[in-house]
Amino acid sequence: MELVGKITLLFAGWGAIAGCISGLLPRSLSPEQGALALLAILFFIFYVSFKLAPRVLKFLPDEFPGGRWTGGTAVKKGFWGFFIMWLILWVMVHTIIVS
């Protein structure tokens, strides 16, 4: 598998974890607190996955397409997979818990 595919799958996996955590938030939070908590979880886990990706996949920043691992390339390569998995699993876990 190519490096970009591995990066996308890694970010999607972290997005799944973030979605499950977000779905388990207590319902006692006010809407404002709940929204802030969801965003905090989303961006914190994305930041952690962005920082850990080169170490987990064991690649040098120079091996990345384009010659370097920067924030812009990580957002282009991994954020949408992360976001979609987070959204799907957040809705599923929340729906299962509420019903």
N, C-alpha and C. Protein backbone atom coordinates (compact mmCIF):
# COMPACT_ATOMS: atom_id res chain seq x y z
N MET A 1 0.84 -1.17 0.00
CA MET A 1 0.00 0.00 0.00
C MET A 1 0.89 1.23 0.00
N GLU A 2 0.46 2.23 -0.73
CA GLU A 2 1.23 3.46 -0.81
C GLU A 2 1.10 4.26 0.48
N LEU A 3 2.03 5.17 0.66
CA LEU A 3 2.08 5.97 1.88
C LEU A 3 0.83 6.82 2.07
N VAL A 4 0.33 7.41 1.00
CA VAL A 4 -0.87 8.26 1.11
C VAL A 4 -2.08 7.43 1.54
N GLY A 5 -2.19 6.21 1.05
CA GLY A 5 -3.28 5.33 1.47
C GLY A 5 -3.17 4.96 2.94
N LYS A 6 -1.95 4.70 3.39
CA LYS A 6 -1.75 4.39 4.81
C LYS A 6 -2.09 5.58 5.70
N ILE A 7 -1.72 6.76 5.24
CA ILE A 7 -2.03 7.97 6.01
C ILE A 7 -3.54 8.18 6.10
N THR A 8 -4.23 7.98 4.98
CA THR A 8 -5.68 8.15 4.97
C THR A 8 -6.36 7.16 5.91
N LEU A 9 -5.92 5.90 5.89
CA LEU A 9 -6.50 4.90 6.78
C LEU A 9 -6.19 5.19 8.24
N LEU A 10 -5.00 5.68 8.52
CA LEU A 10 -4.64 6.03 9.89
C LEU A 10 -5.53 7.15 10.42
N PHE A 11 -5.70 8.19 9.63
CA PHE A 11 -6.56 9.29 10.04
C PHE A 11 -8.02 8.85 10.17
N ALA A 12 -8.48 7.96 9.29
CA ALA A 12 -9.85 7.46 9.39
C ALA A 12 -10.02 6.65 10.68
N GLY A 13 -9.02 5.88 11.05
CA GLY A 13 -9.08 5.13 12.30
C GLY A 13 -9.15 6.03 13.52
N TRP A 14 -8.32 7.06 13.52
CA TRP A 14 -8.37 8.04 14.62
C TRP A 14 -9.69 8.78 14.63
N GLY A 15 -10.26 9.03 13.45
CA GLY A 15 -11.57 9.66 13.39
C GLY A 15 -12.65 8.77 13.97
N ALA A 16 -12.53 7.46 13.76
CA ALA A 16 -13.48 6.52 14.35
C ALA A 16 -13.40 6.55 15.87
N ILE A 17 -12.19 6.59 16.40
CA ILE A 17 -12.01 6.67 17.85
C ILE A 17 -12.61 7.97 18.39
N ALA A 18 -12.34 9.07 17.70
CA ALA A 18 -12.88 10.36 18.14
C ALA A 18 -14.41 10.37 18.07
N GLY A 19 -14.99 9.74 17.06
CA GLY A 19 -16.44 9.67 16.94
C GLY A 19 -17.07 8.87 18.06
N CYS A 20 -16.44 7.77 18.44
CA CYS A 20 -16.96 6.97 19.56
C CYS A 20 -16.89 7.75 20.87
N ILE A 21 -15.79 8.43 21.10
CA ILE A 21 -15.65 9.24 22.31
C ILE A 21 -16.69 10.36 22.31
N SER A 22 -16.88 11.01 21.18
CA SER A 22 -17.85 12.10 21.08
C SER A 22 -19.27 11.60 21.31
N GLY A 23 -19.58 10.40 20.84
CA GLY A 23 -20.92 9.85 21.02
C GLY A 23 -21.22 9.49 22.46
N LEU A 24 -20.19 9.28 23.26
CA LEU A 24 -20.36 8.90 24.66
C LEU A 24 -20.44 10.09 25.61
N LEU A 25 -20.43 11.31 25.07
CA LEU A 25 -20.52 12.48 25.94
C LEU A 25 -21.83 12.45 26.72
N PRO A 26 -21.78 12.89 27.96
CA PRO A 26 -23.01 12.85 28.77
C PRO A 26 -24.07 13.81 28.24
N ARG A 27 -25.33 13.41 28.36
CA ARG A 27 -26.43 14.24 27.88
C ARG A 27 -26.73 15.39 28.83
N SER A 28 -26.08 15.39 30.00
CA SER A 28 -26.33 16.45 30.98
C SER A 28 -25.67 17.77 30.60
N LEU A 29 -24.82 17.76 29.59
CA LEU A 29 -24.18 19.00 29.15
C LEU A 29 -25.20 19.89 28.45
N SER A 30 -25.04 21.18 28.63
CA SER A 30 -25.89 22.12 27.89
C SER A 30 -25.50 22.07 26.42
N PRO A 31 -26.36 22.55 25.52
CA PRO A 31 -26.01 22.52 24.10
C PRO A 31 -24.69 23.24 23.78
N GLU A 32 -24.43 24.36 24.46
CA GLU A 32 -23.18 25.10 24.20
C GLU A 32 -21.98 24.30 24.68
N GLN A 33 -22.09 23.72 25.87
CA GLN A 33 -20.98 22.93 26.40
C GLN A 33 -20.76 21.68 25.56
N GLY A 34 -21.84 21.06 25.13
CA GLY A 34 -21.72 19.86 24.30
C GLY A 34 -21.04 20.15 22.97
N ALA A 35 -21.41 21.27 22.35
CA ALA A 35 -20.80 21.64 21.06
C ALA A 35 -19.32 21.94 21.24
N LEU A 36 -18.98 22.66 22.30
CA LEU A 36 -17.57 22.96 22.54
C LEU A 36 -16.78 21.69 22.86
N ALA A 37 -17.38 20.78 23.60
CA ALA A 37 -16.70 19.52 23.91
C ALA A 37 -16.48 18.69 22.65
N LEU A 38 -17.48 18.65 21.76
CA LEU A 38 -17.33 17.91 20.50
C LEU A 38 -16.19 18.49 19.66
N LEU A 39 -16.16 19.80 19.53
CA LEU A 39 -15.10 20.43 18.75
C LEU A 39 -13.73 20.23 19.39
N ALA A 40 -13.68 20.30 20.71
CA ALA A 40 -12.41 20.09 21.40
C ALA A 40 -11.90 18.67 21.17
N ILE A 41 -12.78 17.69 21.26
CA ILE A 41 -12.38 16.30 21.02
C ILE A 41 -11.93 16.13 19.58
N LEU A 42 -12.70 16.68 18.64
CA LEU A 42 -12.37 16.56 17.22
C LEU A 42 -10.98 17.11 16.93
N PHE A 43 -10.73 18.34 17.33
CA PHE A 43 -9.45 18.97 16.98
C PHE A 43 -8.29 18.42 17.79
N PHE A 44 -8.51 18.03 19.04
CA PHE A 44 -7.43 17.47 19.85
C PHE A 44 -6.96 16.14 19.27
N ILE A 45 -7.90 15.26 18.95
CA ILE A 45 -7.50 13.96 18.42
C ILE A 45 -6.93 14.10 17.02
N PHE A 46 -7.43 15.03 16.23
CA PHE A 46 -6.81 15.25 14.92
C PHE A 46 -5.38 15.75 15.08
N TYR A 47 -5.15 16.65 16.02
CA TYR A 47 -3.80 17.17 16.26
C TYR A 47 -2.87 16.05 16.71
N VAL A 48 -3.35 15.19 17.61
CA VAL A 48 -2.53 14.08 18.09
C VAL A 48 -2.22 13.13 16.94
N SER A 49 -3.20 12.82 16.11
CA SER A 49 -2.95 11.92 14.98
C SER A 49 -2.01 12.55 13.97
N PHE A 50 -2.10 13.86 13.78
CA PHE A 50 -1.19 14.55 12.87
C PHE A 50 0.25 14.46 13.38
N LYS A 51 0.44 14.61 14.68
CA LYS A 51 1.78 14.56 15.25
C LYS A 51 2.33 13.13 15.29
N LEU A 52 1.46 12.14 15.48
CA LEU A 52 1.92 10.76 15.61
C LEU A 52 2.04 10.02 14.28
N ALA A 53 1.44 10.52 13.23
CA ALA A 53 1.42 9.80 11.95
C ALA A 53 2.81 9.43 11.43
N PRO A 54 3.79 10.35 11.40
CA PRO A 54 5.11 9.93 10.90
C PRO A 54 5.76 8.86 11.77
N ARG A 55 5.52 8.91 13.08
CA ARG A 55 6.12 7.91 13.97
C ARG A 55 5.43 6.56 13.87
N VAL A 56 4.10 6.58 13.78
CA VAL A 56 3.34 5.34 13.71
C VAL A 56 3.61 4.62 12.39
N LEU A 57 3.61 5.36 11.31
CA LEU A 57 3.83 4.77 9.98
C LEU A 57 5.31 4.61 9.65
N LYS A 58 6.17 5.14 10.48
CA LYS A 58 7.63 5.02 10.34
C LYS A 58 8.12 5.48 8.96
N PHE A 59 7.78 6.70 8.64
CA PHE A 59 8.31 7.29 7.42
C PHE A 59 8.98 8.61 7.77
N LEU A 60 9.94 8.96 6.98
CA LEU A 60 10.62 10.23 7.15
C LEU A 60 9.81 11.31 6.46
N PRO A 61 9.85 12.52 6.99
CA PRO A 61 9.09 13.60 6.33
C PRO A 61 9.46 13.79 4.87
N ASP A 62 10.70 13.46 4.51
CA ASP A 62 11.13 13.61 3.11
C ASP A 62 10.50 12.58 2.19
N GLU A 63 10.02 11.47 2.74
CA GLU A 63 9.41 10.42 1.92
C GLU A 63 7.98 10.76 1.52
N PHE A 64 7.39 11.75 2.16
CA PHE A 64 6.02 12.13 1.87
C PHE A 64 5.94 12.78 0.50
N PRO A 65 4.89 12.49 -0.28
CA PRO A 65 4.76 13.14 -1.59
C PRO A 65 4.78 14.66 -1.45
N GLY A 66 5.61 15.29 -2.20
CA GLY A 66 5.77 16.73 -2.10
C GLY A 66 7.04 17.09 -1.34
N GLY A 67 7.66 16.11 -0.72
CA GLY A 67 8.96 16.33 -0.10
C GLY A 67 8.96 16.71 1.37
N ARG A 68 7.79 16.99 1.96
CA ARG A 68 7.79 17.34 3.38
C ARG A 68 6.41 17.12 3.98
N TRP A 69 6.40 16.95 5.29
CA TRP A 69 5.18 16.72 6.05
C TRP A 69 4.83 18.02 6.74
N THR A 70 3.83 18.71 6.21
CA THR A 70 3.41 19.98 6.79
C THR A 70 1.92 19.94 7.07
N GLY A 71 1.45 20.93 7.78
CA GLY A 71 0.04 20.99 8.12
C GLY A 71 -0.87 20.99 6.91
N GLY A 72 -0.51 21.72 5.87
CA GLY A 72 -1.36 21.79 4.68
C GLY A 72 -1.51 20.46 3.98
N THR A 73 -0.44 19.71 3.88
CA THR A 73 -0.52 18.41 3.21
C THR A 73 -1.28 17.41 4.06
N ALA A 74 -1.14 17.48 5.38
CA ALA A 74 -1.87 16.55 6.25
C ALA A 74 -3.36 16.82 6.17
N VAL A 75 -3.75 18.06 6.13
CA VAL A 75 -5.17 18.39 6.03
C VAL A 75 -5.71 17.89 4.70
N LYS A 76 -4.97 18.06 3.63
CA LYS A 76 -5.44 17.60 2.33
C LYS A 76 -5.53 16.08 2.26
N LYS A 77 -4.57 15.39 2.85
CA LYS A 77 -4.52 13.94 2.73
C LYS A 77 -5.35 13.20 3.77
N GLY A 78 -5.54 13.76 4.96
CA GLY A 78 -6.16 12.98 6.00
C GLY A 78 -7.39 13.56 6.66
N PHE A 79 -7.61 14.85 6.57
CA PHE A 79 -8.69 15.44 7.35
C PHE A 79 -10.06 14.96 6.94
N TRP A 80 -10.33 14.81 5.66
CA TRP A 80 -11.68 14.46 5.24
C TRP A 80 -12.03 13.04 5.64
N GLY A 81 -11.09 12.12 5.54
CA GLY A 81 -11.35 10.77 6.03
C GLY A 81 -11.59 10.76 7.53
N PHE A 82 -10.80 11.55 8.25
CA PHE A 82 -10.96 11.69 9.69
C PHE A 82 -12.33 12.27 10.01
N PHE A 83 -12.70 13.34 9.35
CA PHE A 83 -13.96 14.03 9.64
C PHE A 83 -15.17 13.15 9.33
N ILE A 84 -15.15 12.46 8.20
CA ILE A 84 -16.29 11.62 7.81
C ILE A 84 -16.46 10.47 8.80
N MET A 85 -15.37 9.82 9.19
CA MET A 85 -15.47 8.73 10.17
C MET A 85 -15.95 9.25 11.52
N TRP A 86 -15.44 10.42 11.92
CA TRP A 86 -15.88 11.01 13.18
C TRP A 86 -17.38 11.28 13.15
N LEU A 87 -17.85 11.88 12.08
CA LEU A 87 -19.26 12.23 11.96
C LEU A 87 -20.16 11.00 11.97
N ILE A 88 -19.82 10.00 11.18
CA ILE A 88 -20.64 8.79 11.09
C ILE A 88 -20.70 8.08 12.44
N LEU A 89 -19.55 7.88 13.08
CA LEU A 89 -19.55 7.14 14.33
C LEU A 89 -20.13 7.95 15.48
N TRP A 90 -19.97 9.26 15.45
CA TRP A 90 -20.59 10.10 16.48
C TRP A 90 -22.10 9.95 16.42
N VAL A 91 -22.67 10.05 15.23
CA VAL A 91 -24.12 9.93 15.07
C VAL A 91 -24.58 8.53 15.45
N MET A 92 -23.87 7.49 15.03
CA MET A 92 -24.28 6.12 15.33
C MET A 92 -24.24 5.84 16.83
N VAL A 93 -23.14 6.17 17.49
CA VAL A 93 -23.01 5.89 18.92
C VAL A 93 -24.03 6.69 19.71
N HIS A 94 -24.19 7.95 19.36
CA HIS A 94 -25.15 8.80 20.07
C HIS A 94 -26.57 8.25 19.88
N THR A 95 -26.91 7.83 18.70
CA THR A 95 -28.25 7.30 18.42
C THR A 95 -28.48 6.00 19.19
N ILE A 96 -27.49 5.14 19.25
CA ILE A 96 -27.63 3.88 19.97
C ILE A 96 -27.82 4.14 21.47
N ILE A 97 -27.08 5.09 22.01
CA ILE A 97 -27.18 5.38 23.44
C ILE A 97 -28.52 6.05 23.77
N VAL A 98 -28.97 6.95 22.95
CA VAL A 98 -30.21 7.69 23.24
C VAL A 98 -31.43 6.78 23.12
N SER A 99 -31.44 5.89 22.15
CA SER A 99 -32.63 5.06 21.95
C SER A 99 -32.67 3.83 22.83
